[in-house]
Amino acid sequence: MTKRAEAAAPFRLVVERELRHPPERVWRALTDADELAQWFWRLAFKAEVGHRFRIEGAPQPGWRGFTDCEVLALEPPRRMVWSFHCTDGPPSIVAFDVAPLMGGGTRLRIIHHGRVPPATLGLLDEGWTLYADRLVGMLAAADAVAAEPCGGAALRPADCRERAMSAGHVEVVPPRGFEPRTS
């Protein structure tokens, strides 16, 4: 075995969440750039096959500080697939599968597979788990705002989300080591 073959091992991560929201609402959270910025990253993202975008942050062991992505497939509102090139090896694949649940709600499955070094795999596992939880939190905050729009106060939606978060309705924790650049 070569050193490169030892360093990059095949993997398959699956993160699944059941949401009370309809598939169309979950799909919007996955494909709208403003909503992606609330739970994932602020990106120049377009839900169009062939669209390329980059995730940038501080380099760390297991991540070079940027990930080049491309939207490979879209089947609204059921499936979106990205290439995800986060190491010097070949790109991996991320699929977002959205399925309705009997009785209402949606099952979201984030499936990431490919070959990456062990340090990268740990970051991906931690990151996708965190991002899925942040997506759940964002949708819950939106529900809290819709149910009680800031106690009747005339505030912008972002201010209402802040109030929902500060009231303990939602906890948003930044991912370890995945801080976006602010320059």
N, C-alpha and C. Protein backbone atom coordinates (compact mmCIF):
# COMPACT_ATOMS: atom_id res chain seq x y z
N MET A 1 0.83 -1.19 0.00
CA MET A 1 0.00 0.00 0.00
C MET A 1 0.86 1.25 0.00
N THR A 2 0.51 2.21 -0.80
CA THR A 2 1.26 3.46 -0.81
C THR A 2 0.84 4.33 0.37
N LYS A 3 1.68 5.30 0.67
CA LYS A 3 1.32 6.21 1.76
C LYS A 3 0.01 6.93 1.47
N ARG A 4 -0.22 7.34 0.21
CA ARG A 4 -1.46 8.03 -0.15
C ARG A 4 -2.66 7.11 0.05
N ALA A 5 -2.54 5.84 -0.33
CA ALA A 5 -3.65 4.90 -0.16
C ALA A 5 -3.95 4.68 1.31
N GLU A 6 -2.91 4.66 2.14
CA GLU A 6 -3.14 4.49 3.58
C GLU A 6 -3.81 5.74 4.17
N ALA A 7 -3.46 6.89 3.63
CA ALA A 7 -3.96 8.14 4.19
C ALA A 7 -5.44 8.37 3.87
N ALA A 8 -5.87 7.94 2.70
CA ALA A 8 -7.26 8.17 2.30
C ALA A 8 -8.03 6.85 2.32
N ALA A 9 -8.98 6.76 3.21
CA ALA A 9 -9.77 5.54 3.33
C ALA A 9 -11.20 5.80 2.87
N PRO A 10 -11.86 4.77 2.31
CA PRO A 10 -13.26 4.96 1.92
C PRO A 10 -14.13 5.19 3.15
N PHE A 11 -15.16 6.01 2.98
CA PHE A 11 -16.08 6.28 4.08
C PHE A 11 -17.48 6.51 3.54
N ARG A 12 -18.44 6.40 4.43
CA ARG A 12 -19.84 6.74 4.15
C ARG A 12 -20.43 7.26 5.45
N LEU A 13 -20.77 8.53 5.48
CA LEU A 13 -21.43 9.15 6.63
C LEU A 13 -22.90 9.35 6.29
N VAL A 14 -23.77 9.06 7.24
CA VAL A 14 -25.19 9.32 7.06
C VAL A 14 -25.68 10.06 8.31
N VAL A 15 -26.22 11.24 8.10
CA VAL A 15 -26.82 12.02 9.18
C VAL A 15 -28.29 12.17 8.82
N GLU A 16 -29.14 11.76 9.73
CA GLU A 16 -30.58 11.77 9.44
C GLU A 16 -31.32 12.54 10.52
N ARG A 17 -32.29 13.33 10.07
CA ARG A 17 -33.15 14.07 10.99
C ARG A 17 -34.59 13.97 10.50
N GLU A 18 -35.52 13.85 11.45
CA GLU A 18 -36.94 13.92 11.13
C GLU A 18 -37.43 15.29 11.57
N LEU A 19 -38.06 15.98 10.62
CA LEU A 19 -38.52 17.34 10.84
C LEU A 19 -40.02 17.41 10.71
N ARG A 20 -40.65 18.31 11.43
CA ARG A 20 -42.11 18.42 11.35
C ARG A 20 -42.55 19.26 10.15
N HIS A 21 -41.60 19.79 9.43
CA HIS A 21 -41.87 20.68 8.30
C HIS A 21 -42.11 19.87 7.02
N PRO A 22 -42.89 20.42 6.09
CA PRO A 22 -43.12 19.72 4.82
C PRO A 22 -41.84 19.70 3.98
N PRO A 23 -41.73 18.75 3.06
CA PRO A 23 -40.53 18.66 2.22
C PRO A 23 -40.18 19.96 1.50
N GLU A 24 -41.18 20.69 1.04
CA GLU A 24 -40.90 21.94 0.32
C GLU A 24 -40.21 22.97 1.20
N ARG A 25 -40.56 23.00 2.49
CA ARG A 25 -39.92 23.94 3.42
C ARG A 25 -38.47 23.52 3.68
N VAL A 26 -38.25 22.23 3.87
CA VAL A 26 -36.89 21.72 4.09
C VAL A 26 -36.05 21.96 2.84
N TRP A 27 -36.64 21.74 1.67
CA TRP A 27 -35.93 21.96 0.42
C TRP A 27 -35.48 23.42 0.31
N ARG A 28 -36.34 24.35 0.68
CA ARG A 28 -35.98 25.77 0.64
C ARG A 28 -34.79 26.05 1.56
N ALA A 29 -34.78 25.43 2.74
CA ALA A 29 -33.66 25.62 3.67
C ALA A 29 -32.35 25.08 3.10
N LEU A 30 -32.44 24.07 2.24
CA LEU A 30 -31.26 23.47 1.63
C LEU A 30 -30.77 24.23 0.39
N THR A 31 -31.66 24.93 -0.28
CA THR A 31 -31.31 25.47 -1.60
C THR A 31 -31.33 26.99 -1.70
N ASP A 32 -31.83 27.68 -0.72
CA ASP A 32 -31.86 29.13 -0.73
C ASP A 32 -30.59 29.65 -0.05
N ALA A 33 -29.82 30.48 -0.75
CA ALA A 33 -28.54 30.95 -0.22
C ALA A 33 -28.68 31.66 1.12
N ASP A 34 -29.73 32.47 1.29
CA ASP A 34 -29.91 33.17 2.57
C ASP A 34 -30.19 32.19 3.70
N GLU A 35 -30.96 31.16 3.42
CA GLU A 35 -31.24 30.16 4.46
C GLU A 35 -30.03 29.28 4.72
N LEU A 36 -29.28 28.92 3.68
CA LEU A 36 -28.04 28.16 3.88
C LEU A 36 -27.09 28.90 4.82
N ALA A 37 -27.04 30.22 4.67
CA ALA A 37 -26.15 31.04 5.51
C ALA A 37 -26.53 30.97 6.98
N GLN A 38 -27.78 30.66 7.28
CA GLN A 38 -28.22 30.60 8.67
C GLN A 38 -27.82 29.30 9.36
N TRP A 39 -27.66 28.22 8.62
CA TRP A 39 -27.35 26.93 9.27
C TRP A 39 -26.07 26.28 8.77
N PHE A 40 -25.58 26.70 7.62
CA PHE A 40 -24.39 26.06 7.04
C PHE A 40 -23.29 27.09 6.87
N TRP A 41 -23.15 27.69 5.74
CA TRP A 41 -22.14 28.70 5.44
C TRP A 41 -22.78 29.81 4.61
N ARG A 42 -22.21 30.99 4.68
CA ARG A 42 -22.60 32.06 3.76
C ARG A 42 -21.85 31.77 2.47
N LEU A 43 -22.61 31.48 1.41
CA LEU A 43 -22.03 31.04 0.15
C LEU A 43 -22.63 31.80 -1.02
N ALA A 44 -21.89 31.87 -2.10
CA ALA A 44 -22.44 32.33 -3.37
C ALA A 44 -23.06 31.10 -4.02
N PHE A 45 -24.20 30.68 -3.50
CA PHE A 45 -24.81 29.40 -3.89
C PHE A 45 -26.03 29.62 -4.78
N LYS A 46 -26.13 28.79 -5.79
CA LYS A 46 -27.31 28.74 -6.64
C LYS A 46 -27.69 27.28 -6.80
N ALA A 47 -28.94 26.97 -6.64
CA ALA A 47 -29.42 25.60 -6.81
C ALA A 47 -29.61 25.34 -8.30
N GLU A 48 -28.48 25.19 -8.99
CA GLU A 48 -28.46 24.93 -10.42
C GLU A 48 -27.39 23.90 -10.71
N VAL A 49 -27.73 22.87 -11.47
CA VAL A 49 -26.74 21.86 -11.84
C VAL A 49 -25.59 22.56 -12.56
N GLY A 50 -24.37 22.23 -12.16
CA GLY A 50 -23.17 22.83 -12.73
C GLY A 50 -22.65 24.04 -11.97
N HIS A 51 -23.46 24.57 -11.03
CA HIS A 51 -23.00 25.74 -10.26
C HIS A 51 -21.86 25.31 -9.34
N ARG A 52 -20.78 26.09 -9.37
CA ARG A 52 -19.60 25.83 -8.52
C ARG A 52 -19.54 26.89 -7.42
N PHE A 53 -19.12 26.45 -6.25
CA PHE A 53 -18.98 27.38 -5.14
C PHE A 53 -17.87 26.89 -4.23
N ARG A 54 -17.41 27.77 -3.35
CA ARG A 54 -16.29 27.45 -2.46
C ARG A 54 -16.66 27.78 -1.03
N ILE A 55 -16.32 26.87 -0.14
CA ILE A 55 -16.42 27.07 1.31
C ILE A 55 -15.01 27.41 1.78
N GLU A 56 -14.85 28.51 2.52
CA GLU A 56 -13.53 28.92 2.98
C GLU A 56 -13.53 29.14 4.48
N GLY A 57 -12.42 28.80 5.11
CA GLY A 57 -12.24 28.99 6.54
C GLY A 57 -10.78 28.86 6.90
N ALA A 58 -10.52 28.76 8.18
CA ALA A 58 -9.15 28.65 8.67
C ALA A 58 -8.64 27.22 8.48
N PRO A 59 -7.49 27.04 7.83
CA PRO A 59 -6.93 25.69 7.68
C PRO A 59 -6.66 25.06 9.04
N GLN A 60 -6.76 23.75 9.08
CA GLN A 60 -6.48 22.99 10.31
C GLN A 60 -6.12 21.57 9.92
N PRO A 61 -5.60 20.79 10.83
CA PRO A 61 -5.29 19.40 10.49
C PRO A 61 -6.54 18.68 9.98
N GLY A 62 -6.45 18.13 8.78
CA GLY A 62 -7.58 17.44 8.18
C GLY A 62 -8.36 18.29 7.19
N TRP A 63 -8.08 19.60 7.15
CA TRP A 63 -8.78 20.48 6.20
C TRP A 63 -7.83 21.58 5.74
N ARG A 64 -7.73 21.77 4.46
CA ARG A 64 -6.79 22.73 3.89
C ARG A 64 -7.29 24.18 3.96
N GLY A 65 -8.50 24.39 4.45
CA GLY A 65 -9.04 25.74 4.61
C GLY A 65 -10.01 26.15 3.53
N PHE A 66 -10.25 25.27 2.57
CA PHE A 66 -11.26 25.54 1.55
C PHE A 66 -11.77 24.21 0.99
N THR A 67 -13.00 24.27 0.53
CA THR A 67 -13.64 23.12 -0.13
C THR A 67 -14.30 23.63 -1.40
N ASP A 68 -13.91 23.04 -2.51
CA ASP A 68 -14.54 23.39 -3.78
C ASP A 68 -15.70 22.43 -4.02
N CYS A 69 -16.84 22.98 -4.36
CA CYS A 69 -18.06 22.18 -4.55
C CYS A 69 -18.69 22.49 -5.90
N GLU A 70 -19.49 21.54 -6.35
CA GLU A 70 -20.28 21.74 -7.56
C GLU A 70 -21.61 21.01 -7.38
N VAL A 71 -22.69 21.66 -7.79
CA VAL A 71 -23.99 21.01 -7.77
C VAL A 71 -24.03 20.03 -8.95
N LEU A 72 -24.15 18.74 -8.63
CA LEU A 72 -24.14 17.70 -9.66
C LEU A 72 -25.54 17.29 -10.10
N ALA A 73 -26.49 17.33 -9.17
CA ALA A 73 -27.85 16.88 -9.49
C ALA A 73 -28.86 17.60 -8.62
N LEU A 74 -30.03 17.85 -9.20
CA LEU A 74 -31.16 18.45 -8.48
C LEU A 74 -32.43 17.73 -8.92
N GLU A 75 -33.20 17.31 -7.94
CA GLU A 75 -34.52 16.73 -8.18
C GLU A 75 -35.48 17.36 -7.18
N PRO A 76 -35.85 18.65 -7.40
CA PRO A 76 -36.70 19.35 -6.43
C PRO A 76 -38.03 18.64 -6.20
N PRO A 77 -38.52 18.59 -5.02
CA PRO A 77 -37.88 18.93 -3.74
C PRO A 77 -37.34 17.68 -3.03
N ARG A 78 -36.75 16.75 -3.77
CA ARG A 78 -36.36 15.47 -3.17
C ARG A 78 -34.88 15.25 -2.99
N ARG A 79 -34.05 15.75 -3.92
CA ARG A 79 -32.64 15.36 -3.85
C ARG A 79 -31.75 16.42 -4.47
N MET A 80 -30.63 16.66 -3.79
CA MET A 80 -29.58 17.52 -4.31
C MET A 80 -28.26 16.81 -4.05
N VAL A 81 -27.35 16.84 -5.03
CA VAL A 81 -26.05 16.17 -4.91
C VAL A 81 -24.96 17.17 -5.25
N TRP A 82 -23.92 17.19 -4.39
CA TRP A 82 -22.75 18.05 -4.60
C TRP A 82 -21.50 17.20 -4.73
N SER A 83 -20.54 17.65 -5.53
CA SER A 83 -19.17 17.17 -5.37
C SER A 83 -18.59 18.02 -4.24
N PHE A 84 -17.68 17.44 -3.48
CA PHE A 84 -17.17 18.09 -2.27
C PHE A 84 -15.68 17.81 -2.20
N HIS A 85 -14.87 18.76 -2.67
CA HIS A 85 -13.43 18.57 -2.78
C HIS A 85 -12.72 19.29 -1.63
N CYS A 86 -12.59 18.59 -0.50
CA CYS A 86 -12.10 19.23 0.73
C CYS A 86 -10.67 18.84 1.08
N THR A 87 -10.05 17.96 0.32
CA THR A 87 -8.66 17.55 0.55
C THR A 87 -7.92 17.60 -0.78
N ASP A 88 -6.64 17.22 -0.76
CA ASP A 88 -5.86 17.18 -1.99
C ASP A 88 -6.15 15.92 -2.81
N GLY A 89 -6.93 15.01 -2.26
CA GLY A 89 -7.32 13.80 -2.98
C GLY A 89 -8.52 14.06 -3.88
N PRO A 90 -9.14 13.00 -4.37
CA PRO A 90 -10.30 13.18 -5.25
C PRO A 90 -11.50 13.73 -4.48
N PRO A 91 -12.44 14.39 -5.18
CA PRO A 91 -13.63 14.91 -4.51
C PRO A 91 -14.50 13.77 -3.97
N SER A 92 -15.21 14.07 -2.91
CA SER A 92 -16.21 13.14 -2.38
C SER A 92 -17.58 13.64 -2.84
N ILE A 93 -18.61 12.92 -2.43
CA ILE A 93 -19.98 13.24 -2.86
C ILE A 93 -20.85 13.45 -1.64
N VAL A 94 -21.67 14.52 -1.66
CA VAL A 94 -22.65 14.79 -0.61
C VAL A 94 -24.03 14.79 -1.27
N ALA A 95 -24.94 14.01 -0.71
CA ALA A 95 -26.32 13.99 -1.19
C ALA A 95 -27.24 14.42 -0.06
N PHE A 96 -28.20 15.27 -0.39
CA PHE A 96 -29.24 15.69 0.54
C PHE A 96 -30.53 15.06 0.03
N ASP A 97 -31.04 14.09 0.76
CA ASP A 97 -32.28 13.40 0.38
C ASP A 97 -33.41 13.85 1.28
N VAL A 98 -34.50 14.29 0.68
CA VAL A 98 -35.66 14.82 1.39
C VAL A 98 -36.85 13.92 1.05
N ALA A 99 -37.48 13.35 2.09
CA ALA A 99 -38.61 12.44 1.85
C ALA A 99 -39.73 12.76 2.82
N PRO A 100 -40.98 12.76 2.34
CA PRO A 100 -42.11 13.00 3.24
C PRO A 100 -42.29 11.82 4.19
N LEU A 101 -42.74 12.12 5.40
CA LEU A 101 -43.05 11.09 6.40
C LEU A 101 -44.56 10.85 6.41
N MET A 102 -44.94 9.63 6.65
CA MET A 102 -46.37 9.36 6.81
C MET A 102 -46.87 10.15 8.01
N GLY A 103 -48.00 10.78 7.88
CA GLY A 103 -48.52 11.58 8.98
C GLY A 103 -48.00 13.00 9.00
N GLY A 104 -47.15 13.35 8.05
CA GLY A 104 -46.63 14.71 7.97
C GLY A 104 -45.17 14.80 8.37
N GLY A 105 -44.55 15.84 7.94
CA GLY A 105 -43.14 16.05 8.24
C GLY A 105 -42.24 15.50 7.15
N THR A 106 -40.95 15.55 7.44
CA THR A 106 -39.94 15.21 6.44
C THR A 106 -38.78 14.47 7.08
N ARG A 107 -38.25 13.50 6.36
CA ARG A 107 -36.98 12.86 6.75
C ARG A 107 -35.90 13.45 5.85
N LEU A 108 -34.88 14.04 6.48
CA LEU A 108 -33.72 14.55 5.76
C LEU A 108 -32.56 13.61 6.03
N ARG A 109 -31.95 13.16 4.96
CA ARG A 109 -30.73 12.34 5.07
C ARG A 109 -29.62 13.07 4.34
N ILE A 110 -28.52 13.32 5.04
CA ILE A 110 -27.32 13.88 4.44
C ILE A 110 -26.35 12.71 4.35
N ILE A 111 -25.99 12.34 3.13
CA ILE A 111 -25.12 11.19 2.90
C ILE A 111 -23.85 11.70 2.23
N HIS A 112 -22.73 11.45 2.88
CA HIS A 112 -21.44 11.91 2.36
C HIS A 112 -20.56 10.67 2.21
N HIS A 113 -20.02 10.47 1.00
CA HIS A 113 -19.15 9.30 0.80
C HIS A 113 -18.00 9.64 -0.13
N GLY A 114 -16.97 8.86 -0.02
CA GLY A 114 -15.78 9.06 -0.84
C GLY A 114 -14.57 8.48 -0.15
N ARG A 115 -13.43 9.15 -0.30
CA ARG A 115 -12.18 8.73 0.33
C ARG A 115 -11.51 9.98 0.92
N VAL A 116 -11.23 9.94 2.21
CA VAL A 116 -10.53 11.05 2.86
C VAL A 116 -9.63 10.48 3.96
N PRO A 117 -8.62 11.25 4.38
CA PRO A 117 -7.79 10.84 5.51
C PRO A 117 -8.61 10.79 6.81
N PRO A 118 -8.17 10.02 7.79
CA PRO A 118 -8.91 9.90 9.05
C PRO A 118 -9.19 11.23 9.74
N ALA A 119 -8.23 12.17 9.72
CA ALA A 119 -8.47 13.46 10.38
C ALA A 119 -9.60 14.22 9.70
N THR A 120 -9.68 14.10 8.39
CA THR A 120 -10.75 14.76 7.64
C THR A 120 -12.09 14.11 7.94
N LEU A 121 -12.10 12.79 8.03
CA LEU A 121 -13.35 12.08 8.32
C LEU A 121 -13.93 12.54 9.65
N GLY A 122 -13.10 12.71 10.67
CA GLY A 122 -13.59 13.20 11.96
C GLY A 122 -14.23 14.57 11.84
N LEU A 123 -13.61 15.46 11.07
CA LEU A 123 -14.17 16.80 10.87
C LEU A 123 -15.49 16.74 10.12
N LEU A 124 -15.56 15.89 9.10
CA LEU A 124 -16.81 15.77 8.33
C LEU A 124 -17.94 15.22 9.19
N ASP A 125 -17.65 14.20 9.98
CA ASP A 125 -18.67 13.61 10.85
C ASP A 125 -19.18 14.65 11.84
N GLU A 126 -18.26 15.33 12.49
CA GLU A 126 -18.64 16.38 13.45
C GLU A 126 -19.39 17.52 12.76
N GLY A 127 -18.89 17.93 11.60
CA GLY A 127 -19.49 19.05 10.89
C GLY A 127 -20.90 18.77 10.41
N TRP A 128 -21.12 17.64 9.72
CA TRP A 128 -22.47 17.36 9.21
C TRP A 128 -23.48 17.15 10.33
N THR A 129 -23.03 16.55 11.42
CA THR A 129 -23.93 16.40 12.57
C THR A 129 -24.32 17.77 13.11
N LEU A 130 -23.35 18.64 13.26
CA LEU A 130 -23.62 19.98 13.75
C LEU A 130 -24.51 20.76 12.78
N TYR A 131 -24.20 20.69 11.50
CA TYR A 131 -25.00 21.44 10.53
C TYR A 131 -26.44 20.94 10.48
N ALA A 132 -26.65 19.64 10.58
CA ALA A 132 -28.02 19.11 10.61
C ALA A 132 -28.76 19.65 11.83
N ASP A 133 -28.08 19.69 12.97
CA ASP A 133 -28.71 20.22 14.18
C ASP A 133 -28.99 21.72 14.04
N ARG A 134 -28.09 22.44 13.40
CA ARG A 134 -28.32 23.86 13.18
C ARG A 134 -29.51 24.10 12.24
N LEU A 135 -29.66 23.23 11.24
CA LEU A 135 -30.82 23.33 10.34
C LEU A 135 -32.11 23.13 11.12
N VAL A 136 -32.13 22.12 11.98
CA VAL A 136 -33.30 21.89 12.84
C VAL A 136 -33.57 23.13 13.68
N GLY A 137 -32.53 23.69 14.27
CA GLY A 137 -32.67 24.89 15.09
C GLY A 137 -33.16 26.09 14.32
N MET A 138 -32.66 26.27 13.10
CA MET A 138 -33.11 27.40 12.28
C MET A 138 -34.60 27.28 11.98
N LEU A 139 -35.04 26.08 11.61
CA LEU A 139 -36.46 25.89 11.31
C LEU A 139 -37.31 26.08 12.57
N ALA A 140 -36.81 25.63 13.72
CA ALA A 140 -37.55 25.82 14.97
C ALA A 140 -37.64 27.30 15.32
N ALA A 141 -36.56 28.05 15.09
CA ALA A 141 -36.58 29.49 15.36
C ALA A 141 -37.58 30.19 14.45
N ALA A 142 -37.62 29.77 13.19
CA ALA A 142 -38.58 30.36 12.26
C ALA A 142 -40.00 30.06 12.72
N ASP A 143 -40.24 28.85 13.24
CA ASP A 143 -41.56 28.50 13.76
C ASP A 143 -41.92 29.38 14.95
N ALA A 144 -40.93 29.58 15.85
CA ALA A 144 -41.18 30.39 17.04
C ALA A 144 -41.53 31.82 16.64
N VAL A 145 -40.84 32.34 15.66
CA VAL A 145 -41.09 33.70 15.19
C VAL A 145 -42.47 33.78 14.55
N ALA A 146 -42.81 32.78 13.73
CA ALA A 146 -44.11 32.78 13.06
C ALA A 146 -45.24 32.64 14.06
N ALA A 147 -45.04 31.83 15.09
CA ALA A 147 -46.09 31.60 16.08
C ALA A 147 -46.33 32.83 16.94
N GLU A 148 -45.27 33.54 17.27
CA GLU A 148 -45.38 34.74 18.10
C GLU A 148 -44.37 35.75 17.59
N PRO A 149 -44.77 36.53 16.59
CA PRO A 149 -43.81 37.44 15.96
C PRO A 149 -43.30 38.51 16.91
N CYS A 150 -42.41 38.11 17.77
CA CYS A 150 -41.73 39.01 18.69
C CYS A 150 -42.71 39.76 19.59
N GLY A 151 -43.71 39.06 20.07
CA GLY A 151 -44.65 39.67 20.99
C GLY A 151 -45.41 40.82 20.38
N GLY A 152 -45.61 40.77 19.07
CA GLY A 152 -46.36 41.83 18.39
C GLY A 152 -45.51 43.01 18.00
N ALA A 153 -44.22 43.00 18.35
CA ALA A 153 -43.35 44.11 17.99
C ALA A 153 -43.07 44.10 16.50
N ALA A 154 -42.91 45.27 15.93
CA ALA A 154 -42.61 45.38 14.50
C ALA A 154 -41.10 45.31 14.30
N LEU A 155 -40.57 44.09 14.23
CA LEU A 155 -39.13 43.90 14.05
C LEU A 155 -38.87 43.14 12.76
N ARG A 156 -37.63 43.31 12.26
CA ARG A 156 -37.22 42.55 11.08
C ARG A 156 -37.13 41.07 11.45
N PRO A 157 -37.30 40.14 10.49
CA PRO A 157 -37.20 38.71 10.78
C PRO A 157 -35.89 38.32 11.46
N ALA A 158 -34.77 38.93 11.05
CA ALA A 158 -33.49 38.59 11.68
C ALA A 158 -33.50 38.94 13.17
N ASP A 159 -34.12 40.08 13.52
CA ASP A 159 -34.22 40.47 14.93
C ASP A 159 -35.09 39.49 15.70
N CYS A 160 -36.15 39.02 15.07
CA CYS A 160 -37.03 38.04 15.71
C CYS A 160 -36.28 36.73 15.96
N ARG A 161 -35.47 36.31 14.98
CA ARG A 161 -34.67 35.09 15.17
C ARG A 161 -33.73 35.27 16.35
N GLU A 162 -33.09 36.45 16.41
CA GLU A 162 -32.19 36.73 17.55
C GLU A 162 -32.93 36.59 18.87
N ARG A 163 -34.14 37.15 18.94
CA ARG A 163 -34.92 37.04 20.17
C ARG A 163 -35.26 35.60 20.48
N ALA A 164 -35.63 34.82 19.46
CA ALA A 164 -35.96 33.41 19.68
C ALA A 164 -34.73 32.67 20.21
N MET A 165 -33.55 32.97 19.66
CA MET A 165 -32.33 32.32 20.12
C MET A 165 -32.00 32.75 21.54
N SER A 166 -32.08 34.05 21.83
CA SER A 166 -31.72 34.53 23.16
C SER A 166 -32.74 34.07 24.21
N ALA A 167 -33.96 33.77 23.78
CA ALA A 167 -34.97 33.28 24.72
C ALA A 167 -34.82 31.78 24.99
N GLY A 168 -33.82 31.16 24.33
CA GLY A 168 -33.57 29.75 24.59
C GLY A 168 -34.33 28.81 23.68
N HIS A 169 -35.02 29.34 22.66
CA HIS A 169 -35.73 28.47 21.72
C HIS A 169 -34.75 27.72 20.84
N VAL A 170 -33.59 28.30 20.58
CA VAL A 170 -32.62 27.73 19.66
C VAL A 170 -31.23 27.99 20.19
N GLU A 171 -30.37 27.01 20.06
CA GLU A 171 -28.97 27.21 20.39
C GLU A 171 -28.16 26.96 19.14
N VAL A 172 -27.40 27.95 18.72
CA VAL A 172 -26.56 27.81 17.55
C VAL A 172 -25.11 27.83 18.03
N VAL A 173 -24.41 26.75 17.79
CA VAL A 173 -23.03 26.61 18.21
C VAL A 173 -22.16 26.55 16.97
N PRO A 174 -21.15 27.42 16.87
CA PRO A 174 -20.30 27.36 15.68
C PRO A 174 -19.51 26.06 15.67
N PRO A 175 -19.27 25.49 14.49
CA PRO A 175 -18.51 24.25 14.41
C PRO A 175 -17.06 24.50 14.79
N ARG A 176 -16.46 23.57 15.49
CA ARG A 176 -15.07 23.68 15.91
C ARG A 176 -14.17 23.74 14.67
N GLY A 177 -13.38 24.79 14.58
CA GLY A 177 -12.41 24.90 13.51
C GLY A 177 -12.97 25.29 12.16
N PHE A 178 -14.26 25.48 12.04
CA PHE A 178 -14.86 25.82 10.77
C PHE A 178 -15.37 27.25 10.80
N GLU A 179 -14.53 28.16 11.26
CA GLU A 179 -14.92 29.56 11.33
C GLU A 179 -14.75 30.20 9.97
N PRO A 180 -15.78 30.83 9.45
CA PRO A 180 -15.65 31.49 8.15
C PRO A 180 -14.69 32.66 8.24
N ARG A 181 -14.04 32.93 7.14
CA ARG A 181 -13.16 34.09 7.08
C ARG A 181 -14.00 35.35 7.07
N THR A 182 -13.51 36.38 7.75
CA THR A 182 -14.27 37.63 7.83
C THR A 182 -13.60 38.75 7.07
N SER A 183 -12.55 38.43 6.34
CA SER A 183 -11.81 39.49 5.61
C SER A 183 -12.53 39.91 4.36
